[in-house]
Amino acid sequence: MKILVIDDSENILSFTKNLLEKIGIEKYILTEKSHDTLLILEDSFEANEPIDLIISDFLMPDFTGLDVVKAVRNYEGSNKSIKDIPILISTAEAEINSMMEMINEGASDYIVKPFTKDQLDEKIKKFIKL
């Protein structure tokens, strides 16, 4: 199992990495470059190590969490299973109202920051068998 974590904050990426490791997840990709999402997904499938879950920040400069959702759900490349990867959006409490738009566009669920190991584990288990 492999998880792609997208966030423009190095601190959040490091925090999430630590939680993933505590949960027992050893395969992950951390990136601040949300605009590279499709390239990362395609590369992972070509390397026969497909991404099983995307965790993306909601508010990022240039290419937002909504852009990530739309790019993945509208993917028209050679690996059609990319369109079906679950997407968990991480957000601050003040942005929860925007989550309905994210769900309507194809996000699978959301998690409110700051989240705990148990909260993250529960969300991950909704989409992946550990």
N, C-alpha and C. Protein backbone atom coordinates (compact mmCIF):
# COMPACT_ATOMS: atom_id res chain seq x y z
N MET A 1 0.83 -1.17 0.00
CA MET A 1 0.00 0.00 0.00
C MET A 1 0.88 1.25 0.00
N LYS A 2 0.45 2.23 -0.80
CA LYS A 2 1.25 3.45 -0.93
C LYS A 2 0.33 4.66 -0.92
N ILE A 3 0.73 5.69 -0.22
CA ILE A 3 -0.08 6.90 -0.07
C ILE A 3 0.70 8.10 -0.60
N LEU A 4 0.01 8.95 -1.33
CA LEU A 4 0.56 10.22 -1.80
C LEU A 4 0.01 11.32 -0.91
N VAL A 5 0.93 12.09 -0.29
CA VAL A 5 0.53 13.20 0.58
C VAL A 5 0.98 14.49 -0.10
N ILE A 6 0.02 15.40 -0.30
CA ILE A 6 0.28 16.68 -0.97
C ILE A 6 -0.06 17.81 -0.02
N ASP A 7 0.93 18.66 0.26
CA ASP A 7 0.69 19.82 1.12
C ASP A 7 1.80 20.83 0.85
N ASP A 8 1.46 22.11 0.88
CA ASP A 8 2.46 23.14 0.62
C ASP A 8 3.28 23.47 1.85
N SER A 9 2.99 22.84 2.98
CA SER A 9 3.72 23.08 4.22
C SER A 9 4.64 21.90 4.54
N GLU A 10 5.94 22.18 4.63
CA GLU A 10 6.89 21.12 5.01
C GLU A 10 6.57 20.57 6.40
N ASN A 11 6.12 21.43 7.30
CA ASN A 11 5.79 20.99 8.65
C ASN A 11 4.63 19.99 8.64
N ILE A 12 3.61 20.26 7.85
CA ILE A 12 2.47 19.35 7.77
C ILE A 12 2.89 18.03 7.11
N LEU A 13 3.73 18.11 6.08
CA LEU A 13 4.22 16.89 5.44
C LEU A 13 5.00 16.03 6.45
N SER A 14 5.86 16.66 7.23
CA SER A 14 6.64 15.94 8.22
C SER A 14 5.74 15.35 9.30
N PHE A 15 4.78 16.13 9.76
CA PHE A 15 3.81 15.68 10.76
C PHE A 15 3.03 14.47 10.25
N THR A 16 2.54 14.55 9.01
CA THR A 16 1.76 13.46 8.43
C THR A 16 2.62 12.22 8.23
N LYS A 17 3.86 12.41 7.79
CA LYS A 17 4.81 11.29 7.63
C LYS A 17 4.98 10.55 8.95
N ASN A 18 5.16 11.29 10.03
CA ASN A 18 5.33 10.68 11.35
C ASN A 18 4.10 9.87 11.75
N LEU A 19 2.91 10.42 11.47
CA LEU A 19 1.69 9.70 11.82
C LEU A 19 1.53 8.44 10.97
N LEU A 20 1.84 8.54 9.68
CA LEU A 20 1.74 7.37 8.80
C LEU A 20 2.65 6.26 9.31
N GLU A 21 3.85 6.61 9.70
CA GLU A 21 4.80 5.62 10.20
C GLU A 21 4.31 5.00 11.51
N LYS A 22 3.69 5.80 12.37
CA LYS A 22 3.14 5.26 13.62
C LYS A 22 1.98 4.32 13.34
N ILE A 23 1.23 4.57 12.27
CA ILE A 23 0.13 3.71 11.87
C ILE A 23 0.66 2.41 11.27
N GLY A 24 1.89 2.46 10.77
CA GLY A 24 2.49 1.28 10.16
C GLY A 24 2.59 1.34 8.66
N ILE A 25 2.39 2.52 8.11
CA ILE A 25 2.49 2.70 6.66
C ILE A 25 3.91 3.14 6.33
N GLU A 26 4.57 2.34 5.52
CA GLU A 26 5.97 2.60 5.20
C GLU A 26 6.18 3.13 3.80
N LYS A 27 5.19 2.97 2.94
CA LYS A 27 5.33 3.44 1.56
C LYS A 27 4.45 4.67 1.36
N TYR A 28 5.12 5.77 1.07
CA TYR A 28 4.40 7.02 0.83
C TYR A 28 5.29 7.93 0.00
N ILE A 29 4.63 8.89 -0.61
CA ILE A 29 5.33 9.95 -1.34
C ILE A 29 4.83 11.25 -0.74
N LEU A 30 5.74 12.13 -0.38
CA LEU A 30 5.40 13.44 0.16
C LEU A 30 5.80 14.49 -0.87
N THR A 31 4.90 15.42 -1.17
CA THR A 31 5.25 16.46 -2.13
C THR A 31 4.55 17.77 -1.79
N GLU A 32 5.26 18.85 -2.07
CA GLU A 32 4.69 20.20 -1.97
C GLU A 32 4.15 20.64 -3.33
N LYS A 33 4.43 19.87 -4.36
CA LYS A 33 4.12 20.26 -5.74
C LYS A 33 2.81 19.62 -6.20
N SER A 34 1.70 20.23 -5.84
CA SER A 34 0.39 19.66 -6.17
C SER A 34 0.17 19.58 -7.68
N HIS A 35 0.80 20.48 -8.44
CA HIS A 35 0.62 20.47 -9.90
C HIS A 35 1.28 19.24 -10.54
N ASP A 36 2.11 18.50 -9.80
CA ASP A 36 2.75 17.28 -10.31
C ASP A 36 1.96 16.01 -9.98
N THR A 37 0.75 16.15 -9.45
CA THR A 37 -0.02 15.00 -8.99
C THR A 37 -0.16 13.91 -10.06
N LEU A 38 -0.62 14.28 -11.25
CA LEU A 38 -0.84 13.26 -12.28
C LEU A 38 0.46 12.59 -12.70
N LEU A 39 1.53 13.35 -12.79
CA LEU A 39 2.83 12.78 -13.14
C LEU A 39 3.28 11.76 -12.09
N ILE A 40 3.12 12.11 -10.83
CA ILE A 40 3.48 11.21 -9.74
C ILE A 40 2.63 9.93 -9.81
N LEU A 41 1.34 10.08 -10.05
CA LEU A 41 0.45 8.92 -10.13
C LEU A 41 0.83 8.02 -11.30
N GLU A 42 1.07 8.62 -12.47
CA GLU A 42 1.45 7.83 -13.64
C GLU A 42 2.77 7.09 -13.40
N ASP A 43 3.75 7.79 -12.84
CA ASP A 43 5.04 7.18 -12.55
C ASP A 43 4.91 6.01 -11.58
N SER A 44 4.05 6.16 -10.58
CA SER A 44 3.89 5.09 -9.59
C SER A 44 3.26 3.85 -10.22
N PHE A 45 2.31 4.05 -11.14
CA PHE A 45 1.70 2.91 -11.82
C PHE A 45 2.71 2.25 -12.76
N GLU A 46 3.50 3.04 -13.46
CA GLU A 46 4.51 2.49 -14.37
C GLU A 46 5.56 1.70 -13.60
N ALA A 47 5.86 2.10 -12.37
CA ALA A 47 6.84 1.40 -11.55
C ALA A 47 6.21 0.20 -10.82
N ASN A 48 4.95 -0.07 -11.13
CA ASN A 48 4.20 -1.16 -10.51
C ASN A 48 4.08 -0.99 -9.00
N GLU A 49 4.03 0.26 -8.55
CA GLU A 49 3.80 0.61 -7.15
C GLU A 49 2.72 1.69 -7.10
N PRO A 50 1.49 1.30 -7.48
CA PRO A 50 0.43 2.31 -7.59
C PRO A 50 0.08 2.97 -6.27
N ILE A 51 -0.36 4.19 -6.37
CA ILE A 51 -0.85 4.93 -5.20
C ILE A 51 -2.23 4.40 -4.86
N ASP A 52 -2.46 4.12 -3.58
CA ASP A 52 -3.74 3.58 -3.12
C ASP A 52 -4.64 4.66 -2.52
N LEU A 53 -4.05 5.77 -2.10
CA LEU A 53 -4.80 6.85 -1.48
C LEU A 53 -4.03 8.15 -1.65
N ILE A 54 -4.77 9.23 -1.92
CA ILE A 54 -4.19 10.57 -1.98
C ILE A 54 -4.71 11.35 -0.78
N ILE A 55 -3.81 11.97 -0.05
CA ILE A 55 -4.19 12.91 1.02
C ILE A 55 -3.69 14.27 0.55
N SER A 56 -4.63 15.17 0.29
CA SER A 56 -4.25 16.48 -0.25
C SER A 56 -4.78 17.61 0.61
N ASP A 57 -3.94 18.61 0.81
CA ASP A 57 -4.36 19.83 1.47
C ASP A 57 -5.42 20.51 0.61
N PHE A 58 -6.30 21.25 1.23
CA PHE A 58 -7.35 21.97 0.51
C PHE A 58 -6.83 23.29 -0.05
N LEU A 59 -6.24 24.11 0.82
CA LEU A 59 -5.77 25.43 0.39
C LEU A 59 -4.28 25.40 0.10
N MET A 60 -3.96 25.50 -1.18
CA MET A 60 -2.56 25.57 -1.62
C MET A 60 -2.48 26.61 -2.73
N PRO A 61 -1.34 27.28 -2.84
CA PRO A 61 -1.22 28.26 -3.92
C PRO A 61 -1.15 27.57 -5.29
N ASP A 62 -1.64 28.22 -6.28
CA ASP A 62 -1.56 27.79 -7.68
C ASP A 62 -2.46 26.60 -8.01
N PHE A 63 -2.25 25.45 -7.39
CA PHE A 63 -2.99 24.23 -7.71
C PHE A 63 -3.59 23.71 -6.41
N THR A 64 -4.87 24.00 -6.19
CA THR A 64 -5.52 23.72 -4.91
C THR A 64 -5.95 22.26 -4.78
N GLY A 65 -6.46 21.93 -3.62
CA GLY A 65 -7.02 20.59 -3.43
C GLY A 65 -8.15 20.31 -4.41
N LEU A 66 -8.97 21.32 -4.69
CA LEU A 66 -10.04 21.15 -5.68
C LEU A 66 -9.45 20.86 -7.06
N ASP A 67 -8.36 21.51 -7.40
CA ASP A 67 -7.68 21.24 -8.67
C ASP A 67 -7.16 19.81 -8.72
N VAL A 68 -6.64 19.32 -7.60
CA VAL A 68 -6.16 17.94 -7.52
C VAL A 68 -7.32 16.98 -7.77
N VAL A 69 -8.43 17.20 -7.09
CA VAL A 69 -9.60 16.34 -7.26
C VAL A 69 -10.06 16.33 -8.71
N LYS A 70 -10.21 17.50 -9.30
CA LYS A 70 -10.67 17.59 -10.69
C LYS A 70 -9.69 16.91 -11.65
N ALA A 71 -8.39 17.11 -11.44
CA ALA A 71 -7.38 16.52 -12.32
C ALA A 71 -7.44 14.99 -12.26
N VAL A 72 -7.56 14.45 -11.07
CA VAL A 72 -7.60 13.00 -10.91
C VAL A 72 -8.90 12.43 -11.47
N ARG A 73 -10.01 13.02 -11.12
CA ARG A 73 -11.31 12.49 -11.56
C ARG A 73 -11.53 12.64 -13.06
N ASN A 74 -10.88 13.61 -13.68
CA ASN A 74 -11.02 13.83 -15.13
C ASN A 74 -9.85 13.28 -15.93
N TYR A 75 -9.00 12.49 -15.29
CA TYR A 75 -7.81 11.93 -15.93
C TYR A 75 -8.19 11.11 -17.16
N GLU A 76 -7.48 11.35 -18.26
CA GLU A 76 -7.77 10.65 -19.51
C GLU A 76 -6.55 9.94 -20.08
N GLY A 77 -5.58 9.64 -19.23
CA GLY A 77 -4.37 8.96 -19.68
C GLY A 77 -4.57 7.47 -19.84
N SER A 78 -3.49 6.77 -19.99
CA SER A 78 -3.53 5.34 -20.30
C SER A 78 -3.95 4.46 -19.13
N ASN A 79 -3.75 4.89 -17.90
CA ASN A 79 -4.12 4.06 -16.76
C ASN A 79 -5.42 4.57 -16.14
N LYS A 80 -6.52 4.00 -16.57
CA LYS A 80 -7.85 4.47 -16.17
C LYS A 80 -8.11 4.31 -14.67
N SER A 81 -7.39 3.42 -13.99
CA SER A 81 -7.64 3.22 -12.56
C SER A 81 -7.20 4.43 -11.73
N ILE A 82 -6.41 5.32 -12.30
CA ILE A 82 -6.02 6.54 -11.59
C ILE A 82 -7.25 7.35 -11.20
N LYS A 83 -8.26 7.36 -12.05
CA LYS A 83 -9.49 8.12 -11.78
C LYS A 83 -10.20 7.66 -10.52
N ASP A 84 -9.95 6.41 -10.12
CA ASP A 84 -10.68 5.82 -9.01
C ASP A 84 -9.95 5.85 -7.67
N ILE A 85 -8.76 6.45 -7.64
CA ILE A 85 -8.00 6.51 -6.38
C ILE A 85 -8.76 7.38 -5.38
N PRO A 86 -8.98 6.88 -4.17
CA PRO A 86 -9.65 7.71 -3.16
C PRO A 86 -8.81 8.94 -2.83
N ILE A 87 -9.51 10.05 -2.59
CA ILE A 87 -8.85 11.32 -2.26
C ILE A 87 -9.40 11.84 -0.94
N LEU A 88 -8.52 11.96 0.03
CA LEU A 88 -8.85 12.50 1.34
C LEU A 88 -8.32 13.93 1.40
N ILE A 89 -9.20 14.88 1.61
CA ILE A 89 -8.81 16.29 1.67
C ILE A 89 -8.58 16.69 3.12
N SER A 90 -7.44 17.30 3.40
CA SER A 90 -7.15 17.81 4.74
C SER A 90 -7.44 19.32 4.75
N THR A 91 -8.12 19.76 5.78
CA THR A 91 -8.59 21.13 5.81
C THR A 91 -8.62 21.68 7.23
N ALA A 92 -8.61 23.01 7.33
CA ALA A 92 -8.79 23.67 8.62
C ALA A 92 -10.29 23.82 8.88
N GLU A 93 -10.67 23.93 10.13
CA GLU A 93 -12.10 23.98 10.48
C GLU A 93 -12.87 25.06 9.73
N ALA A 94 -12.25 26.19 9.50
CA ALA A 94 -12.95 27.30 8.86
C ALA A 94 -13.35 26.99 7.42
N GLU A 95 -12.77 25.94 6.85
CA GLU A 95 -13.04 25.61 5.45
C GLU A 95 -14.06 24.48 5.27
N ILE A 96 -14.64 23.99 6.35
CA ILE A 96 -15.51 22.82 6.26
C ILE A 96 -16.67 23.06 5.29
N ASN A 97 -17.20 24.29 5.23
CA ASN A 97 -18.29 24.57 4.30
C ASN A 97 -17.91 24.28 2.86
N SER A 98 -16.67 24.44 2.52
CA SER A 98 -16.20 24.17 1.16
C SER A 98 -16.08 22.68 0.87
N MET A 99 -16.15 21.86 1.90
CA MET A 99 -15.99 20.42 1.71
C MET A 99 -17.12 19.81 0.89
N MET A 100 -18.31 20.37 0.97
CA MET A 100 -19.42 19.84 0.16
C MET A 100 -19.11 19.98 -1.33
N GLU A 101 -18.51 21.09 -1.72
CA GLU A 101 -18.10 21.26 -3.11
C GLU A 101 -17.05 20.22 -3.48
N MET A 102 -16.12 19.97 -2.57
CA MET A 102 -15.07 18.98 -2.83
C MET A 102 -15.67 17.59 -3.01
N ILE A 103 -16.61 17.23 -2.16
CA ILE A 103 -17.27 15.92 -2.25
C ILE A 103 -18.04 15.83 -3.56
N ASN A 104 -18.74 16.91 -3.92
CA ASN A 104 -19.50 16.92 -5.18
C ASN A 104 -18.59 16.79 -6.39
N GLU A 105 -17.36 17.27 -6.28
CA GLU A 105 -16.41 17.18 -7.40
C GLU A 105 -15.68 15.84 -7.44
N GLY A 106 -15.83 15.04 -6.36
CA GLY A 106 -15.22 13.72 -6.40
C GLY A 106 -14.27 13.38 -5.27
N ALA A 107 -14.08 14.28 -4.31
CA ALA A 107 -13.27 13.93 -3.14
C ALA A 107 -13.98 12.81 -2.39
N SER A 108 -13.23 11.91 -1.82
CA SER A 108 -13.83 10.76 -1.13
C SER A 108 -14.25 11.10 0.30
N ASP A 109 -13.49 11.98 0.95
CA ASP A 109 -13.78 12.36 2.33
C ASP A 109 -12.84 13.50 2.70
N TYR A 110 -12.98 14.01 3.91
CA TYR A 110 -12.08 15.04 4.40
C TYR A 110 -11.70 14.76 5.84
N ILE A 111 -10.61 15.37 6.25
CA ILE A 111 -10.15 15.28 7.63
C ILE A 111 -9.74 16.68 8.07
N VAL A 112 -10.11 17.05 9.30
CA VAL A 112 -9.86 18.40 9.79
C VAL A 112 -8.50 18.44 10.50
N LYS A 113 -7.69 19.44 10.12
CA LYS A 113 -6.38 19.65 10.75
C LYS A 113 -6.55 20.50 12.00
N PRO A 114 -5.76 20.29 13.01
CA PRO A 114 -4.78 19.22 13.14
C PRO A 114 -5.48 17.92 13.52
N PHE A 115 -5.07 16.83 12.90
CA PHE A 115 -5.69 15.54 13.18
C PHE A 115 -4.72 14.66 13.98
N THR A 116 -5.29 13.68 14.64
CA THR A 116 -4.49 12.76 15.46
C THR A 116 -4.16 11.51 14.65
N LYS A 117 -3.29 10.69 15.20
CA LYS A 117 -2.96 9.41 14.57
C LYS A 117 -4.21 8.56 14.43
N ASP A 118 -5.02 8.51 15.47
CA ASP A 118 -6.23 7.68 15.43
C ASP A 118 -7.24 8.19 14.40
N GLN A 119 -7.39 9.50 14.31
CA GLN A 119 -8.30 10.06 13.30
C GLN A 119 -7.82 9.74 11.89
N LEU A 120 -6.52 9.88 11.65
CA LEU A 120 -5.97 9.59 10.33
C LEU A 120 -6.11 8.10 10.03
N ASP A 121 -5.80 7.27 10.99
CA ASP A 121 -5.91 5.82 10.83
C ASP A 121 -7.35 5.43 10.46
N GLU A 122 -8.31 5.99 11.15
CA GLU A 122 -9.72 5.70 10.88
C GLU A 122 -10.11 6.10 9.45
N LYS A 123 -9.67 7.25 9.02
CA LYS A 123 -9.97 7.71 7.65
C LYS A 123 -9.31 6.81 6.61
N ILE A 124 -8.05 6.46 6.83
CA ILE A 124 -7.33 5.61 5.89
C ILE A 124 -8.01 4.25 5.76
N LYS A 125 -8.44 3.69 6.90
CA LYS A 125 -9.07 2.37 6.90
C LYS A 125 -10.42 2.37 6.16
N LYS A 126 -11.01 3.53 5.95
CA LYS A 126 -12.24 3.59 5.16
C LYS A 126 -11.97 3.21 3.70
N PHE A 127 -10.73 3.40 3.27
CA PHE A 127 -10.40 3.22 1.85
C PHE A 127 -9.38 2.12 1.59
N ILE A 128 -8.60 1.75 2.59
CA ILE A 128 -7.52 0.79 2.41
C ILE A 128 -7.53 -0.21 3.55
N LYS A 129 -7.34 -1.48 3.21
CA LYS A 129 -7.17 -2.50 4.24
C LYS A 129 -5.70 -2.55 4.64
N LEU A 130 -5.43 -2.29 5.91
CA LEU A 130 -4.04 -2.28 6.39
C LEU A 130 -3.59 -3.68 6.79
